[in-house]
Amino acid sequence: MDTSADRVYFLKVPLDIVPPEDFPNIVSWLVPPKDEKKSRNVVLLSLWDLLKARRNNDYRKYIMQADLVVPISKSIVSGVKFITGKKIYRYMPFHFVISLLTALERKEYPLYLLGGKSKILKKAERNIFSTYPGLKIVGRHEGRIRKREAPMVMEAIRKSSPSLLLAGKGIKGGELWIARNSERLNSGLRLWCSDLFDVFAEKKRRPSDSVFDRGLESLGYCFKRPILFFRFFAYLRYKWLLLFYKIFRH
């Protein structure tokens, strides 16, 4: 990588160590000069994403090839410390994206929005533009892309040449949509953040900083969708994996 971030491999999944004091430099690196024809994929990795990367080859390949992989779960931070003794830093997705948009606005770079429902996406676009009037929002499309529309959407993204393709939930395949279409997209930065458009549209509230710092943000999602409480079994499996790696592979 061309950044000052150190990369570690945790349970065979790459993670980048980005100390807060180095974060502005990383953001500057992520937002390249307009004439630099290079694509960069950024992954905000949750614990559930990490476990998915261990069992899904396509998703694992996407993570392995990403230019920056930033953990967002406290369980990952504590797990890395337990296995390797290294200190790694997590970032709240909302704050991470805000930092990127701020950097984009300073340089008047173009942005393309992809995902969510049409009404939510329109409101999110208005709120983003009102907060960052210097941003050039060069296009948007809701997450539902009909098969016959796919070539036109891809062409619209290519022609608009956004410095950042910001994608969210609603797209068939989710984050893997970026991986599967990476070669057909233009150069620039690509970032997936599932609920971001709902937050920008004020339909959902992001977790408070205090809740996030304590690693309790998942509880709120579980109470809204009780089926997520079954993730407890995946969490237990994760704990067993940590113990196994500590004893046999450290």
C-alpha atoms as a PDB file:
ATOM      1  CA  MET A   1       0.000   0.000   0.000  1.00  0.00           C
ATOM      2  CA  ASP A   2       1.030   3.589  -0.566  1.00  0.00           C
ATOM      3  CA  THR A   3      -0.054   4.722   2.861  1.00  0.00           C
ATOM      4  CA  SER A   4       1.601   4.842   6.249  1.00  0.00           C
ATOM      5  CA  ALA A   5      -0.926   2.301   7.523  1.00  0.00           C
ATOM      6  CA  ASP A   6       0.436  -1.044   8.651  1.00  0.00           C
ATOM      7  CA  ARG A   7      -1.460  -4.134   7.563  1.00  0.00           C
ATOM      8  CA  VAL A   8      -1.983  -7.157   9.785  1.00  0.00           C
ATOM      9  CA  TYR A   9      -3.719 -10.448   9.082  1.00  0.00           C
ATOM     10  CA  PHE A  10      -6.240 -11.503  11.674  1.00  0.00           C
ATOM     11  CA  LEU A  11      -7.928 -14.900  11.304  1.00  0.00           C
ATOM     12  CA  LYS A  12      -6.601 -14.789   7.718  1.00  0.00           C
ATOM     13  CA  VAL A  13      -8.362 -11.488   7.017  1.00  0.00           C
ATOM     14  CA  PRO A  14      -6.388  -8.264   6.333  1.00  0.00           C
ATOM     15  CA  LEU A  15      -6.834  -5.225   8.563  1.00  0.00           C
ATOM     16  CA  ASP A  16      -5.127  -1.849   8.359  1.00  0.00           C
ATOM     17  CA  ILE A  17      -3.831  -0.041  11.412  1.00  0.00           C
ATOM     18  CA  VAL A  18      -4.763   3.630  11.073  1.00  0.00           C
ATOM     19  CA  PRO A  19      -3.935   5.651  14.206  1.00  0.00           C
ATOM     20  CA  PRO A  20      -6.121   8.760  14.642  1.00  0.00           C
ATOM     21  CA  GLU A  21      -3.135  11.051  14.119  1.00  0.00           C
ATOM     22  CA  ASP A  22      -2.474   9.438  10.712  1.00  0.00           C
ATOM     23  CA  PHE A  23      -6.113   9.497   9.603  1.00  0.00           C
ATOM     24  CA  PRO A  24      -5.946  12.886   7.775  1.00  0.00           C
ATOM     25  CA  ASN A  25      -3.009  11.602   5.701  1.00  0.00           C
ATOM     26  CA  ILE A  26      -4.891   8.415   4.869  1.00  0.00           C
ATOM     27  CA  VAL A  27      -7.918  10.433   3.748  1.00  0.00           C
ATOM     28  CA  SER A  28      -5.701  12.604   1.548  1.00  0.00           C
ATOM     29  CA  TRP A  29      -4.234   9.474  -0.010  1.00  0.00           C
ATOM     30  CA  LEU A  30      -7.691   8.030  -0.615  1.00  0.00           C
ATOM     31  CA  VAL A  31      -8.743  11.142  -2.521  1.00  0.00           C
ATOM     32  CA  PRO A  32      -6.188  11.208  -5.359  1.00  0.00           C
ATOM     33  CA  PRO A  33      -5.596  13.987  -7.915  1.00  0.00           C
ATOM     34  CA  LYS A  34      -8.276  14.174 -10.592  1.00  0.00           C
ATOM     35  CA  ASP A  35      -5.826  13.166 -13.309  1.00  0.00           C
ATOM     36  CA  GLU A  36      -4.768  10.008 -11.473  1.00  0.00           C
ATOM     37  CA  LYS A  37      -6.581   7.134 -13.132  1.00  0.00           C
ATOM     38  CA  LYS A  38      -6.626   4.642 -10.299  1.00  0.00           C
ATOM     39  CA  SER A  39      -9.403   2.853  -8.461  1.00  0.00           C
ATOM     40  CA  ARG A  40      -9.388   2.214  -4.731  1.00  0.00           C
ATOM     41  CA  ASN A  41     -11.792   0.075  -2.767  1.00  0.00           C
ATOM     42  CA  VAL A  42     -12.325   0.826   0.916  1.00  0.00           C
ATOM     43  CA  VAL A  43     -13.960  -1.636   3.299  1.00  0.00           C
ATOM     44  CA  LEU A  44     -15.440  -0.759   6.680  1.00  0.00           C
ATOM     45  CA  LEU A  45     -15.260  -4.205   8.261  1.00  0.00           C
ATOM     46  CA  SER A  46     -17.613  -5.384  10.996  1.00  0.00           C
ATOM     47  CA  LEU A  47     -17.214  -8.594  12.972  1.00  0.00           C
ATOM     48  CA  TRP A  48     -19.957 -10.205  10.871  1.00  0.00           C
ATOM     49  CA  ASP A  49     -18.128  -9.154   7.705  1.00  0.00           C
ATOM     50  CA  LEU A  50     -14.945 -10.729   9.032  1.00  0.00           C
ATOM     51  CA  LEU A  51     -16.726 -14.025   9.670  1.00  0.00           C
ATOM     52  CA  LYS A  52     -18.351 -13.811   6.234  1.00  0.00           C
ATOM     53  CA  ALA A  53     -14.921 -13.356   4.616  1.00  0.00           C
ATOM     54  CA  ARG A  54     -13.815 -16.649   6.193  1.00  0.00           C
ATOM     55  CA  ARG A  55     -16.624 -18.655   4.585  1.00  0.00           C
ATOM     56  CA  ASN A  56     -17.378 -16.772   1.342  1.00  0.00           C
ATOM     57  CA  ASN A  57     -14.584 -16.961  -1.233  1.00  0.00           C
ATOM     58  CA  ASP A  58     -15.867 -14.063  -3.353  1.00  0.00           C
ATOM     59  CA  TYR A  59     -16.157 -11.761  -0.383  1.00  0.00           C
ATOM     60  CA  ARG A  60     -12.772 -12.863   0.948  1.00  0.00           C
ATOM     61  CA  LYS A  61     -11.161 -12.070  -2.416  1.00  0.00           C
ATOM     62  CA  TYR A  62     -12.789  -8.631  -2.345  1.00  0.00           C
ATOM     63  CA  ILE A  63     -11.417  -7.950   1.153  1.00  0.00           C
ATOM     64  CA  MET A  64      -7.951  -9.256   0.249  1.00  0.00           C
ATOM     65  CA  GLN A  65      -7.748  -6.927  -2.757  1.00  0.00           C
ATOM     66  CA  ALA A  66      -9.141  -3.845  -1.005  1.00  0.00           C
ATOM     67  CA  ASP A  67      -6.783  -0.883  -0.677  1.00  0.00           C
ATOM     68  CA  LEU A  68      -7.905  -0.069   2.845  1.00  0.00           C
ATOM     69  CA  VAL A  69      -9.708  -2.290   5.366  1.00  0.00           C
ATOM     70  CA  VAL A  70     -10.799  -0.461   8.507  1.00  0.00           C
ATOM     71  CA  PRO A  71     -12.419  -2.306  11.433  1.00  0.00           C
ATOM     72  CA  ILE A  72     -15.636  -0.886  12.857  1.00  0.00           C
ATOM     73  CA  SER A  73     -16.326  -3.521  15.562  1.00  0.00           C
ATOM     74  CA  LYS A  74     -14.856  -3.380  19.045  1.00  0.00           C
ATOM     75  CA  SER A  75     -14.733  -7.187  19.095  1.00  0.00           C
ATOM     76  CA  ILE A  76     -12.202  -7.087  16.250  1.00  0.00           C
ATOM     77  CA  VAL A  77     -10.005  -4.623  18.138  1.00  0.00           C
ATOM     78  CA  SER A  78      -9.964  -6.773  21.273  1.00  0.00           C
ATOM     79  CA  GLY A  79      -9.454  -9.932  19.200  1.00  0.00           C
ATOM     80  CA  VAL A  80      -6.397  -8.517  17.423  1.00  0.00           C
ATOM     81  CA  LYS A  81      -4.962  -7.483  20.783  1.00  0.00           C
ATOM     82  CA  PHE A  82      -5.578 -10.969  22.188  1.00  0.00           C
ATOM     83  CA  ILE A  83      -3.990 -12.828  19.262  1.00  0.00           C
ATOM     84  CA  THR A  84      -1.175 -10.527  18.126  1.00  0.00           C
ATOM     85  CA  GLY A  85      -0.683  -8.052  20.971  1.00  0.00           C
ATOM     86  CA  LYS A  86      -1.013  -5.217  18.446  1.00  0.00           C
ATOM     87  CA  LYS A  87      -3.199  -2.177  18.910  1.00  0.00           C
ATOM     88  CA  ILE A  88      -5.621  -1.526  16.095  1.00  0.00           C
ATOM     89  CA  TYR A  89      -8.094   1.333  15.732  1.00  0.00           C
ATOM     90  CA  ARG A  90     -11.757   1.272  14.820  1.00  0.00           C
ATOM     91  CA  TYR A  91     -13.794   4.058  13.264  1.00  0.00           C
ATOM     92  CA  MET A  92     -17.484   4.824  13.297  1.00  0.00           C
ATOM     93  CA  PRO A  93     -18.685   4.490   9.671  1.00  0.00           C
ATOM     94  CA  PHE A  94     -20.563   7.806   9.804  1.00  0.00           C
ATOM     95  CA  HIS A  95     -17.502   9.738  10.977  1.00  0.00           C
ATOM     96  CA  PHE A  96     -15.311   7.997   8.417  1.00  0.00           C
ATOM     97  CA  VAL A  97     -17.607   8.979   5.555  1.00  0.00           C
ATOM     98  CA  ILE A  98     -17.950  12.536   6.865  1.00  0.00           C
ATOM     99  CA  SER A  99     -14.165  12.895   6.783  1.00  0.00           C
ATOM    100  CA  LEU A 100     -14.097  11.667   3.191  1.00  0.00           C
ATOM    101  CA  LEU A 101     -16.879  14.023   2.087  1.00  0.00           C
ATOM    102  CA  THR A 102     -15.103  16.938   3.770  1.00  0.00           C
ATOM    103  CA  ALA A 103     -11.902  16.135   1.861  1.00  0.00           C
ATOM    104  CA  LEU A 104     -13.843  15.785  -1.389  1.00  0.00           C
ATOM    105  CA  GLU A 105     -15.570  19.117  -0.879  1.00  0.00           C
ATOM    106  CA  ARG A 106     -12.281  20.963  -0.371  1.00  0.00           C
ATOM    107  CA  LYS A 107     -11.189  19.872  -3.844  1.00  0.00           C
ATOM    108  CA  GLU A 108     -14.672  20.138  -5.389  1.00  0.00           C
ATOM    109  CA  TYR A 109     -14.543  16.491  -6.398  1.00  0.00           C
ATOM    110  CA  PRO A 110     -17.537  14.648  -7.925  1.00  0.00           C
ATOM    111  CA  LEU A 111     -19.677  12.163  -6.014  1.00  0.00           C
ATOM    112  CA  TYR A 112     -22.110   9.493  -7.215  1.00  0.00           C
ATOM    113  CA  LEU A 113     -24.777   7.993  -4.909  1.00  0.00           C
ATOM    114  CA  LEU A 114     -26.018   4.453  -5.438  1.00  0.00           C
ATOM    115  CA  GLY A 115     -28.442   2.556  -3.223  1.00  0.00           C
ATOM    116  CA  GLY A 116     -31.499   2.933  -1.028  1.00  0.00           C
ATOM    117  CA  LYS A 117     -35.050   3.692  -2.063  1.00  0.00           C
ATOM    118  CA  SER A 118     -35.708   6.559  -4.454  1.00  0.00           C
ATOM    119  CA  LYS A 119     -37.431   8.840  -1.926  1.00  0.00           C
ATOM    120  CA  ILE A 120     -34.760   8.270   0.726  1.00  0.00           C
ATOM    121  CA  LEU A 121     -31.946   8.749  -1.774  1.00  0.00           C
ATOM    122  CA  LYS A 122     -33.352  12.070  -2.966  1.00  0.00           C
ATOM    123  CA  LYS A 123     -33.607  13.393   0.579  1.00  0.00           C
ATOM    124  CA  ALA A 124     -30.120  12.100   1.401  1.00  0.00           C
ATOM    125  CA  GLU A 125     -28.777  13.898  -1.657  1.00  0.00           C
ATOM    126  CA  ARG A 126     -30.423  17.170  -0.628  1.00  0.00           C
ATOM    127  CA  ASN A 127     -29.021  16.933   2.896  1.00  0.00           C
ATOM    128  CA  ILE A 128     -25.534  16.043   1.686  1.00  0.00           C
ATOM    129  CA  PHE A 129     -25.548  18.959  -0.736  1.00  0.00           C
ATOM    130  CA  SER A 130     -26.811  21.402   1.879  1.00  0.00           C
ATOM    131  CA  THR A 131     -24.060  20.311   4.273  1.00  0.00           C
ATOM    132  CA  TYR A 132     -21.339  20.146   1.605  1.00  0.00           C
ATOM    133  CA  PRO A 133     -22.305  22.717  -1.046  1.00  0.00           C
ATOM    134  CA  GLY A 134     -18.876  22.435  -2.640  1.00  0.00           C
ATOM    135  CA  LEU A 135     -19.437  18.793  -3.526  1.00  0.00           C
ATOM    136  CA  LYS A 136     -20.384  17.966  -7.085  1.00  0.00           C
ATOM    137  CA  ILE A 137     -23.054  15.281  -6.953  1.00  0.00           C
ATOM    138  CA  VAL A 138     -22.887  14.036 -10.536  1.00  0.00           C
ATOM    139  CA  GLY A 139     -25.515  11.332 -10.314  1.00  0.00           C
ATOM    140  CA  ARG A 140     -27.602   8.977  -8.235  1.00  0.00           C
ATOM    141  CA  HIS A 141     -29.601   5.790  -8.666  1.00  0.00           C
ATOM    142  CA  GLU A 142     -31.724   3.836  -6.237  1.00  0.00           C
ATOM    143  CA  GLY A 143     -30.547   0.427  -5.095  1.00  0.00           C
ATOM    144  CA  ARG A 144     -33.100  -1.537  -7.089  1.00  0.00           C
ATOM    145  CA  ILE A 145     -31.514  -1.944 -10.510  1.00  0.00           C
ATOM    146  CA  ARG A 146     -33.576  -3.928 -13.020  1.00  0.00           C
ATOM    147  CA  LYS A 147     -31.622  -6.261 -15.258  1.00  0.00           C
ATOM    148  CA  ARG A 148     -32.345  -4.194 -18.352  1.00  0.00           C
ATOM    149  CA  GLU A 149     -31.243  -1.026 -16.526  1.00  0.00           C
ATOM    150  CA  ALA A 150     -27.895  -2.376 -15.350  1.00  0.00           C
ATOM    151  CA  PRO A 151     -25.867  -1.445 -18.487  1.00  0.00           C
ATOM    152  CA  MET A 152     -27.292   2.090 -18.455  1.00  0.00           C
ATOM    153  CA  VAL A 153     -26.524   2.561 -14.749  1.00  0.00           C
ATOM    154  CA  MET A 154     -22.982   1.313 -15.267  1.00  0.00           C
ATOM    155  CA  GLU A 155     -22.517   3.647 -18.224  1.00  0.00           C
ATOM    156  CA  ALA A 156     -23.891   6.600 -16.246  1.00  0.00           C
ATOM    157  CA  ILE A 157     -21.362   5.951 -13.477  1.00  0.00           C
ATOM    158  CA  ARG A 158     -18.503   5.639 -15.965  1.00  0.00           C
ATOM    159  CA  LYS A 159     -19.419   8.801 -17.863  1.00  0.00           C
ATOM    160  CA  SER A 160     -19.865  10.890 -14.712  1.00  0.00           C
ATOM    161  CA  SER A 161     -16.394   9.777 -13.501  1.00  0.00           C
ATOM    162  CA  PRO A 162     -17.030  10.292  -9.764  1.00  0.00           C
ATOM    163  CA  SER A 163     -14.058  10.556  -7.432  1.00  0.00           C
ATOM    164  CA  LEU A 164     -16.209   8.646  -4.934  1.00  0.00           C
ATOM    165  CA  LEU A 165     -18.896   6.067  -5.610  1.00  0.00           C
ATOM    166  CA  LEU A 166     -20.828   5.897  -2.344  1.00  0.00           C
ATOM    167  CA  ALA A 167     -22.992   2.783  -2.273  1.00  0.00           C
ATOM    168  CA  GLY A 168     -25.538   1.551   0.240  1.00  0.00           C
ATOM    169  CA  LYS A 169     -28.108  -1.151   0.873  1.00  0.00           C
ATOM    170  CA  GLY A 170     -30.734  -2.097  -1.678  1.00  0.00           C
ATOM    171  CA  ILE A 171     -28.276  -3.131  -4.366  1.00  0.00           C
ATOM    172  CA  LYS A 172     -28.530  -6.786  -5.380  1.00  0.00           C
ATOM    173  CA  GLY A 173     -25.480  -8.552  -3.994  1.00  0.00           C
ATOM    174  CA  GLY A 174     -24.790  -5.828  -1.442  1.00  0.00           C
ATOM    175  CA  GLU A 175     -21.143  -4.939  -1.057  1.00  0.00           C
ATOM    176  CA  LEU A 176     -20.193  -7.683  -3.498  1.00  0.00           C
ATOM    177  CA  TRP A 177     -21.796  -5.609  -6.248  1.00  0.00           C
ATOM    178  CA  ILE A 178     -18.679  -3.416  -6.144  1.00  0.00           C
ATOM    179  CA  ALA A 179     -16.395  -6.445  -6.333  1.00  0.00           C
ATOM    180  CA  ARG A 180     -18.281  -8.022  -9.243  1.00  0.00           C
ATOM    181  CA  ASN A 181     -18.387  -4.816 -11.265  1.00  0.00           C
ATOM    182  CA  SER A 182     -15.068  -3.287 -10.234  1.00  0.00           C
ATOM    183  CA  GLU A 183     -13.413  -3.679 -13.646  1.00  0.00           C
ATOM    184  CA  ARG A 184     -16.404  -2.133 -15.415  1.00  0.00           C
ATOM    185  CA  LEU A 185     -16.490   0.941 -13.197  1.00  0.00           C
ATOM    186  CA  ASN A 186     -14.411   4.044 -13.730  1.00  0.00           C
ATOM    187  CA  SER A 187     -11.325   4.886 -11.714  1.00  0.00           C
ATOM    188  CA  GLY A 188     -11.925   6.481  -8.340  1.00  0.00           C
ATOM    189  CA  LEU A 189     -12.794   5.555  -4.789  1.00  0.00           C
ATOM    190  CA  ARG A 190     -15.545   3.058  -3.963  1.00  0.00           C
ATOM    191  CA  LEU A 191     -17.056   2.719  -0.522  1.00  0.00           C
ATOM    192  CA  TRP A 192     -19.991   0.690   0.790  1.00  0.00           C
ATOM    193  CA  CYS A 193     -21.846   1.755   3.933  1.00  0.00           C
ATOM    194  CA  SER A 194     -25.159  -0.053   4.316  1.00  0.00           C
ATOM    195  CA  ASP A 195     -27.387   2.342   6.302  1.00  0.00           C
ATOM    196  CA  LEU A 196     -25.691   5.597   5.412  1.00  0.00           C
ATOM    197  CA  PHE A 197     -28.406   6.981   3.131  1.00  0.00           C
ATOM    198  CA  ASP A 198     -31.046   6.305   5.795  1.00  0.00           C
ATOM    199  CA  VAL A 199     -28.937   8.315   8.256  1.00  0.00           C
ATOM    200  CA  PHE A 200     -28.409  11.193   5.823  1.00  0.00           C
ATOM    201  CA  ALA A 201     -32.142  11.156   5.024  1.00  0.00           C
ATOM    202  CA  GLU A 202     -32.866  11.313   8.775  1.00  0.00           C
ATOM    203  CA  LYS A 203     -34.863   8.095   8.628  1.00  0.00           C
ATOM    204  CA  LYS A 204     -32.473   6.342  11.018  1.00  0.00           C
ATOM    205  CA  ARG A 205     -30.337   7.661  13.815  1.00  0.00           C
ATOM    206  CA  ARG A 206     -26.719   6.684  13.975  1.00  0.00           C
ATOM    207  CA  PRO A 207     -25.449   5.260  17.275  1.00  0.00           C
ATOM    208  CA  SER A 208     -24.215   7.891  19.699  1.00  0.00           C
ATOM    209  CA  ASP A 209     -20.462   8.233  20.130  1.00  0.00           C
ATOM    210  CA  SER A 210     -20.695   6.915  23.701  1.00  0.00           C
ATOM    211  CA  VAL A 211     -22.650   3.815  22.625  1.00  0.00           C
ATOM    212  CA  PHE A 212     -20.203   3.186  19.790  1.00  0.00           C
ATOM    213  CA  ASP A 213     -17.161   3.656  22.022  1.00  0.00           C
ATOM    214  CA  ARG A 214     -18.523   0.975  24.363  1.00  0.00           C
ATOM    215  CA  GLY A 215     -19.155  -1.388  21.451  1.00  0.00           C
ATOM    216  CA  LEU A 216     -22.894  -1.571  22.119  1.00  0.00           C
ATOM    217  CA  GLU A 217     -24.167  -0.358  18.751  1.00  0.00           C
ATOM    218  CA  SER A 218     -25.243  -3.885  17.725  1.00  0.00           C
ATOM    219  CA  LEU A 219     -27.763  -4.065  20.573  1.00  0.00           C
ATOM    220  CA  GLY A 220     -29.838  -1.296  19.038  1.00  0.00           C
ATOM    221  CA  TYR A 221     -30.022  -3.174  15.727  1.00  0.00           C
ATOM    222  CA  CYS A 222     -31.011  -6.363  17.546  1.00  0.00           C
ATOM    223  CA  PHE A 223     -33.941  -4.727  19.323  1.00  0.00           C
ATOM    224  CA  LYS A 224     -35.165  -3.358  15.986  1.00  0.00           C
ATOM    225  CA  ARG A 225     -34.688  -6.740  14.291  1.00  0.00           C
ATOM    226  CA  PRO A 226     -34.913  -9.441  16.991  1.00  0.00           C
ATOM    227  CA  ILE A 227     -33.704 -12.131  14.593  1.00  0.00           C
ATOM    228  CA  LEU A 228     -30.258 -10.563  14.910  1.00  0.00           C
ATOM    229  CA  PHE A 229     -30.068 -11.863  18.464  1.00  0.00           C
ATOM    230  CA  PHE A 230     -29.185 -15.225  16.867  1.00  0.00           C
ATOM    231  CA  ARG A 231     -25.832 -13.649  15.996  1.00  0.00           C
ATOM    232  CA  PHE A 232     -24.948 -14.558  19.572  1.00  0.00           C
ATOM    233  CA  PHE A 233     -24.090 -18.063  18.321  1.00  0.00           C
ATOM    234  CA  ALA A 234     -21.782 -16.619  15.653  1.00  0.00           C
ATOM    235  CA  TYR A 235     -20.190 -14.504  18.375  1.00  0.00           C
ATOM    236  CA  LEU A 236     -19.554 -17.639  20.467  1.00  0.00           C
ATOM    237  CA  ARG A 237     -17.941 -19.266  17.440  1.00  0.00           C
ATOM    238  CA  TYR A 238     -15.733 -16.220  17.058  1.00  0.00           C
ATOM    239  CA  LYS A 239     -14.599 -16.537  20.678  1.00  0.00           C
ATOM    240  CA  TRP A 240     -13.719 -20.202  20.112  1.00  0.00           C
ATOM    241  CA  LEU A 241     -11.751 -19.214  17.002  1.00  0.00           C
ATOM    242  CA  LEU A 242      -9.761 -16.706  19.045  1.00  0.00           C
ATOM    243  CA  LEU A 243      -8.938 -19.324  21.628  1.00  0.00           C
ATOM    244  CA  PHE A 244      -7.964 -21.845  18.942  1.00  0.00           C
ATOM    245  CA  TYR A 245      -5.649 -19.394  17.177  1.00  0.00           C
ATOM    246  CA  LYS A 246      -4.129 -18.275  20.449  1.00  0.00           C
ATOM    247  CA  ILE A 247      -3.268 -21.814  21.509  1.00  0.00           C
ATOM    248  CA  PHE A 248      -2.358 -23.509  18.229  1.00  0.00           C
ATOM    249  CA  ARG A 249      -1.415 -20.853  15.678  1.00  0.00           C
ATOM    250  CA  HIS A 250       0.042 -17.932  17.556  1.00  0.00           C
END
